[in-house]
C-alpha cells in the first residue's frame, strides 16, 4: 500500500475529520489507512489500547468482548487511528475464535504498514467462567527485530498480572 498524497504534499487521509463516518458492518481491512512516519530512523513504540473490541463466537454467535493492545515500532508507514477504530469495529459481526481475531489483526497491520516490529494482545472477558488472552508478535525477518520478537514471545506473560478489569 502506498501513502496517498494531496497537491500540497500532505497525506490524503479520508477517515480523519470525516463528519459522515460510515461504520462497517462486516470485517473490512480496506478501511485501514496509513500516513508517513516522519522519524523512520528512530526506533520507538506506538501503542493503542482498544477497550471496546467486540467479535462473535463462530459457534454460538454470542458476543465476545475484549481490550486489544497493539504495540508496534513503525518503519516508513504508520496506521491512522480513526481508520484503525473503524477496522476494529468491523469485527463486531465477524465470527471467529479469539486467537484467529488477534492473528488476523496482526497480519492485516503487517501487510498495511510493514512495521519493524508489532505485537497484538487480546484480553477477552470471561464467558463460561474462563478468559482467553491470545498474544502474537512479528519482527522484520533477518533483523534485530526478529530476535526481539522471539525474545518477547518466549518471555511473554512470565509474571502473573493483577486482573482488576474482569
Protein backbone atom coordinates (compact mmCIF):
# COMPACT_ATOMS: atom_id res chain seq x y z
CA UNK A 1 0.00 0.00 0.00
CA UNK A 2 1.28 3.44 -0.84
CA UNK A 3 0.79 6.60 1.13
CA UNK A 4 -1.69 8.85 -0.68
CA UNK A 5 -0.67 12.48 -1.18
CA UNK A 6 -2.60 15.69 -1.87
CA UNK A 7 -1.41 18.50 -4.14
CA UNK A 8 0.39 20.26 -1.28
CA UNK A 9 2.26 17.07 -0.32
CA UNK A 10 0.29 16.19 2.81
CA UNK A 11 -1.23 12.80 3.41
CA UNK A 12 -4.68 12.29 1.91
CA UNK A 13 -6.40 10.58 4.81
CA UNK A 14 -10.09 10.10 4.10
CA UNK A 15 -11.37 8.95 7.51
CA UNK A 16 -9.82 11.58 9.78
CA UNK A 17 -12.14 14.57 10.14
CA UNK A 18 -14.97 12.95 8.16
CA UNK A 19 -18.21 14.03 9.80
CA UNK A 20 -20.26 11.39 7.93
CA UNK A 21 -18.41 8.32 9.13
CA UNK A 22 -19.81 5.05 7.85
CA UNK A 23 -19.26 2.18 10.26
CA UNK A 24 -18.60 -1.14 8.52
CA UNK A 25 -20.98 -3.97 9.37
CA UNK A 26 -18.67 -6.77 8.26
CA UNK A 27 -14.93 -7.42 8.55
CA UNK A 28 -13.23 -4.88 6.30
CA UNK A 29 -9.45 -4.32 6.24
CA UNK A 30 -9.87 -1.88 3.33
CA UNK A 31 -10.86 0.89 5.78
CA UNK A 32 -7.30 0.99 7.16
CA UNK A 33 -5.21 3.99 6.15
CA UNK A 34 -1.57 4.92 6.67
CA UNK A 35 0.47 8.06 6.83
CA UNK A 36 4.18 8.67 6.50
CA UNK A 37 6.38 8.17 9.56
CA UNK A 38 8.39 11.37 9.87
CA UNK A 39 11.03 9.62 12.03
CA UNK A 40 11.76 6.25 10.39
CA UNK A 41 15.38 6.41 11.55
CA UNK A 42 14.24 6.31 15.21
CA UNK A 43 13.03 3.23 17.00
CA UNK A 44 10.01 3.97 19.15
CA UNK A 45 6.83 2.22 20.19
CA UNK A 46 3.34 3.32 19.23
CA UNK A 47 0.73 1.70 21.44
CA UNK A 48 -3.03 1.51 21.00
CA UNK A 49 -5.36 0.38 23.78
CA UNK A 50 -8.73 -0.57 22.35
CA UNK A 51 -11.07 -1.44 25.26
CA UNK A 52 -14.29 -1.83 23.27
CA UNK A 53 -13.45 -4.64 20.84
CA UNK A 54 -16.31 -6.97 20.02
CA UNK A 55 -16.49 -10.05 17.83
CA UNK A 56 -18.79 -13.06 17.66
CA UNK A 57 -18.22 -16.65 18.68
CA UNK A 58 -18.22 -18.62 15.39
CA UNK A 59 -20.12 -21.50 17.01
CA UNK A 60 -22.75 -19.86 19.23
CA UNK A 61 -22.95 -16.39 17.69
CA UNK A 62 -22.66 -14.87 21.17
CA UNK A 63 -20.64 -11.64 21.51
CA UNK A 64 -17.11 -11.69 22.83
CA UNK A 65 -15.68 -8.52 24.41
CA UNK A 66 -12.02 -7.65 24.77
CA UNK A 67 -9.41 -5.00 25.20
CA UNK A 68 -6.97 -5.18 22.30
CA UNK A 69 -3.43 -3.91 22.82
CA UNK A 70 -1.46 -3.12 19.68
CA UNK A 71 2.18 -2.03 20.03
CA UNK A 72 4.49 -1.50 17.11
CA UNK A 73 7.78 0.02 16.04
CA UNK A 74 7.00 1.78 12.77
CA UNK A 75 9.04 1.63 9.62
CA UNK A 76 8.06 4.13 6.94
CA UNK A 77 4.30 3.94 7.44
CA UNK A 78 2.00 4.32 10.43
CA UNK A 79 -1.66 3.40 10.84
CA UNK A 80 -4.11 6.27 11.20
CA UNK A 81 -6.06 5.85 14.47
CA UNK A 82 -9.59 6.58 13.23
CA UNK A 83 -9.21 4.07 10.41
CA UNK A 84 -7.93 1.56 12.99
CA UNK A 85 -11.03 2.23 15.11
CA UNK A 86 -13.28 1.59 12.10
CA UNK A 87 -11.33 -1.54 11.21
CA UNK A 88 -11.65 -2.95 14.73
CA UNK A 89 -15.35 -2.04 14.69
CA UNK A 90 -15.70 -4.17 11.54
CA UNK A 91 -15.14 -7.28 13.69
CA UNK A 92 -18.40 -6.58 15.55
CA UNK A 93 -20.39 -9.05 13.41
CA UNK A 94 -17.39 -11.20 12.47
CA UNK A 95 -17.44 -14.78 13.73
CA UNK A 96 -14.01 -16.08 14.64
CA UNK A 97 -12.21 -17.51 17.64
CA UNK A 98 -10.22 -15.12 19.86
CA UNK A 99 -6.89 -16.45 18.63
CA UNK A 100 -7.93 -16.01 14.99
CA UNK A 101 -9.07 -12.41 15.52
CA UNK A 102 -5.75 -11.43 17.09
CA UNK A 103 -3.68 -13.06 14.34
CA UNK A 104 -5.86 -11.55 11.60
CA UNK A 105 -5.42 -8.07 13.11
CA UNK A 106 -1.64 -8.50 13.28
CA UNK A 107 -1.35 -9.84 9.72
CA UNK A 108 -3.53 -7.06 8.30
CA UNK A 109 -1.39 -4.42 10.04
CA UNK A 110 1.84 -6.04 8.83
CA UNK A 111 0.54 -6.02 5.26
CA UNK A 112 -0.57 -2.39 5.62
CA UNK A 113 2.42 -0.83 7.37
CA UNK A 114 5.40 -3.19 7.10
CA UNK A 115 6.45 -2.35 10.67
CA UNK A 116 9.85 -3.18 12.10
CA UNK A 117 8.10 -4.92 14.99
CA UNK A 118 4.49 -5.46 16.09
CA UNK A 119 2.61 -7.28 18.83
CA UNK A 120 -1.10 -7.72 19.36
CA UNK A 121 -2.59 -8.91 22.63
CA UNK A 122 -6.26 -9.60 23.24
CA UNK A 123 -7.64 -9.65 26.77
CA UNK A 124 -11.09 -11.16 26.41
CA UNK A 125 -13.71 -11.03 29.13
CA UNK A 126 -14.67 -14.43 30.52
CA UNK A 127 -17.51 -16.45 29.10
CA UNK A 128 -18.39 -19.71 30.77
CA UNK A 129 -16.00 -18.92 33.60
CA UNK A 130 -12.81 -18.70 31.52
CA UNK A 131 -10.98 -15.86 29.85
CA UNK A 132 -8.65 -16.22 26.88
CA UNK A 133 -5.79 -13.78 26.28
CA UNK A 134 -4.07 -14.58 22.95
CA UNK A 135 -0.80 -12.83 22.11
CA UNK A 136 1.09 -12.76 18.83
CA UNK A 137 4.04 -10.79 17.52
CA UNK A 138 6.27 -10.30 14.50
CA UNK A 139 9.73 -8.89 13.86
CA UNK A 140 11.09 -7.98 10.45
CA UNK A 141 12.93 -11.11 9.20
CA UNK A 142 16.72 -11.02 9.21
CA UNK A 143 16.90 -8.07 11.60
CA UNK A 144 17.30 -7.45 15.30
CA UNK A 145 13.51 -7.09 15.42
CA UNK A 146 13.11 -10.76 14.53
CA UNK A 147 15.31 -11.58 17.53
CA UNK A 148 13.25 -9.18 19.64
CA UNK A 149 10.04 -10.95 18.59
CA UNK A 150 11.46 -14.32 19.61
CA UNK A 151 12.66 -12.98 22.95
CA UNK A 152 9.39 -11.21 23.75
CA UNK A 153 7.34 -14.26 22.78
CA UNK A 154 9.45 -16.61 24.89
CA UNK A 155 9.26 -14.25 27.87
CA UNK A 156 5.71 -13.08 27.39
CA UNK A 157 3.44 -13.11 30.39
CA UNK A 158 6.04 -14.75 32.63
CA UNK A 159 4.75 -12.93 35.67
CA UNK A 160 1.11 -13.25 36.70
CA UNK A 161 -0.73 -10.00 36.29
CA UNK A 162 -3.19 -8.49 38.69
CA UNK A 163 -6.54 -8.56 36.95
CA UNK A 164 -8.73 -5.70 38.02
CA UNK A 165 -10.96 -5.26 34.99
CA UNK A 166 -12.80 -8.58 34.98
